[in-house]
Amino acid sequence: MWERRYGFPTPSRDANGERIYPASQVEKLRLIKRLMDRGHRPGRIIERPLDELVALVAEPGLPSDRRELEIFLKLVQAHDSAELRRHLVQALMRHGLQRFVLEVVAPLNVAVGNAWMRGELAVFEEH
């Protein structure tokens, strides 16, 4: 499907008609897969050169991004449940349920617990 839709990859064929992918295309496909797992859309990244994809993979992902956790914590401290809910729903939509739970909710729970232990959150805010 990608061959038709995006013009990539462009495998050759062996004597039996099976696809054969050059190592460079396999490497690019692996990077694209990792980026798609982070929420990138194939149509927006597939035409990028390999060095740009490598740079994108090296960037910290949003779910584990400390800045995002700090935003969530500030919204908890500000008692702004509507804005917190909006940010969480956006993260859920970007990442899908499994990644949202594993990469957003779980680290956020740890961050909230740590903030409570440091005295930065009251018990009612932690709950």
Protein backbone atom coordinates (compact mmCIF):
# COMPACT_ATOMS: atom_id res chain seq x y z
CA MET A 1 0.00 0.00 0.00
CA TRP A 2 2.81 2.44 0.87
CA GLU A 3 4.44 1.78 -2.48
CA ARG A 4 1.31 3.05 -4.24
CA ARG A 5 0.35 5.80 -1.80
CA TYR A 6 3.76 7.30 -1.02
CA GLY A 7 6.09 5.88 -3.66
CA PHE A 8 8.20 4.36 -0.89
CA PRO A 9 9.65 1.87 -0.35
CA THR A 10 10.78 0.84 -3.82
CA PRO A 11 11.87 -2.78 -3.54
CA SER A 12 13.30 -4.85 -6.32
CA ARG A 13 12.04 -8.37 -6.97
CA ASP A 14 13.82 -11.69 -6.83
CA ALA A 15 13.35 -14.55 -9.31
CA ASN A 16 10.19 -15.65 -7.47
CA GLY A 17 8.68 -12.16 -7.49
CA GLU A 18 9.33 -11.58 -3.78
CA ARG A 19 10.24 -8.08 -2.68
CA ILE A 20 13.86 -7.34 -1.82
CA TYR A 21 14.52 -4.16 0.16
CA PRO A 22 17.89 -2.42 0.16
CA ALA A 23 19.43 -1.93 3.61
CA SER A 24 18.99 1.86 3.40
CA GLN A 25 15.24 1.46 2.87
CA VAL A 26 14.98 -1.02 5.73
CA GLU A 27 16.77 1.47 7.98
CA LYS A 28 14.40 4.25 6.90
CA LEU A 29 11.38 1.99 7.46
CA ARG A 30 12.59 1.21 10.99
CA LEU A 31 12.94 4.92 11.76
CA ILE A 32 9.50 5.61 10.32
CA LYS A 33 8.04 2.84 12.48
CA ARG A 34 9.61 4.33 15.62
CA LEU A 35 8.27 7.76 14.73
CA MET A 36 4.81 6.38 13.99
CA ASP A 37 4.87 4.72 17.42
CA ARG A 38 5.38 8.24 18.79
CA GLY A 39 2.36 9.56 16.93
CA HIS A 40 3.86 10.88 13.69
CA ARG A 41 1.82 10.32 10.53
CA PRO A 42 3.57 8.46 7.69
CA GLY A 43 2.50 11.00 5.07
CA ARG A 44 4.31 13.75 6.94
CA ILE A 45 7.59 11.93 7.51
CA ILE A 46 8.02 9.40 4.70
CA GLU A 47 9.52 11.90 2.23
CA ARG A 48 12.03 13.29 4.74
CA PRO A 49 15.67 12.36 4.23
CA LEU A 50 17.27 9.79 6.51
CA ASP A 51 19.27 12.36 8.52
CA GLU A 52 16.08 14.28 9.39
CA LEU A 53 14.37 11.08 10.53
CA VAL A 54 17.37 10.22 12.71
CA ALA A 55 17.17 13.70 14.27
CA LEU A 56 13.43 13.30 14.91
CA VAL A 57 13.96 9.95 16.60
CA ALA A 58 16.65 11.51 18.81
CA GLU A 59 14.25 14.21 20.05
CA PRO A 60 12.59 13.45 23.35
CA GLY A 61 9.12 12.09 22.82
CA LEU A 62 6.17 14.00 24.19
CA PRO A 63 4.99 11.35 26.66
CA SER A 64 8.31 11.16 28.47
CA ASP A 65 9.00 14.86 28.04
CA ARG A 66 9.60 16.46 31.41
CA ARG A 67 8.11 19.75 30.17
CA GLU A 68 4.76 18.06 29.54
CA LEU A 69 4.77 16.52 33.01
CA GLU A 70 5.52 19.94 34.47
CA ILE A 71 2.54 21.41 32.62
CA PHE A 72 0.29 18.69 34.02
CA LEU A 73 1.65 19.27 37.54
CA LYS A 74 1.13 23.03 37.29
CA LEU A 75 -2.47 22.45 36.21
CA VAL A 76 -2.98 20.15 39.21
CA GLN A 77 -1.49 22.78 41.54
CA ALA A 78 -3.65 25.48 39.95
CA HIS A 79 -6.74 23.29 40.49
CA ASP A 80 -7.57 23.78 36.80
CA SER A 81 -9.27 20.47 36.19
CA ALA A 82 -10.88 21.58 32.91
CA GLU A 83 -7.54 22.55 31.35
CA LEU A 84 -5.86 19.44 32.77
CA ARG A 85 -8.58 17.29 31.25
CA ARG A 86 -8.17 19.05 27.90
CA HIS A 87 -4.40 18.43 27.89
CA LEU A 88 -4.86 14.79 28.91
CA VAL A 89 -7.49 14.19 26.22
CA GLN A 90 -5.18 15.73 23.61
CA ALA A 91 -2.35 13.44 24.74
CA LEU A 92 -4.70 10.44 24.58
CA MET A 93 -5.76 11.31 21.05
CA ARG A 94 -2.16 11.83 19.90
CA HIS A 95 -0.78 8.63 21.37
CA GLY A 96 -3.60 6.10 21.57
CA LEU A 97 -4.74 4.36 24.73
CA GLN A 98 -1.82 2.00 25.34
CA ARG A 99 0.93 4.60 24.87
CA PHE A 100 -1.10 7.18 26.79
CA VAL A 101 -1.36 4.90 29.82
CA LEU A 102 2.23 3.68 29.69
CA GLU A 103 4.01 6.86 28.66
CA VAL A 104 1.81 9.66 30.01
CA VAL A 105 -0.35 8.43 32.89
CA ALA A 106 2.23 6.20 34.58
CA PRO A 107 5.01 8.85 34.58
CA LEU A 108 2.47 11.47 35.66
CA ASN A 109 1.44 9.31 38.62
CA VAL A 110 5.07 9.01 39.67
CA ALA A 111 5.62 12.76 39.22
CA VAL A 112 2.53 13.56 41.31
CA GLY A 113 3.67 11.19 44.06
CA ASN A 114 7.17 12.69 44.04
CA ALA A 115 5.77 16.23 44.15
CA TRP A 116 3.63 15.25 47.17
CA MET A 117 6.67 13.74 48.93
CA ARG A 118 8.61 16.98 48.34
CA GLY A 119 5.71 18.94 49.79
CA GLU A 120 4.86 20.61 46.50
CA LEU A 121 1.35 19.12 46.44
CA ALA A 122 -1.16 18.81 49.25
CA VAL A 123 -2.85 15.48 49.88
CA PHE A 124 -6.10 16.65 48.28
CA GLU A 125 -4.18 17.80 45.19
CA GLU A 126 -2.43 14.45 44.90
CA HIS A 127 -5.77 12.67 44.97
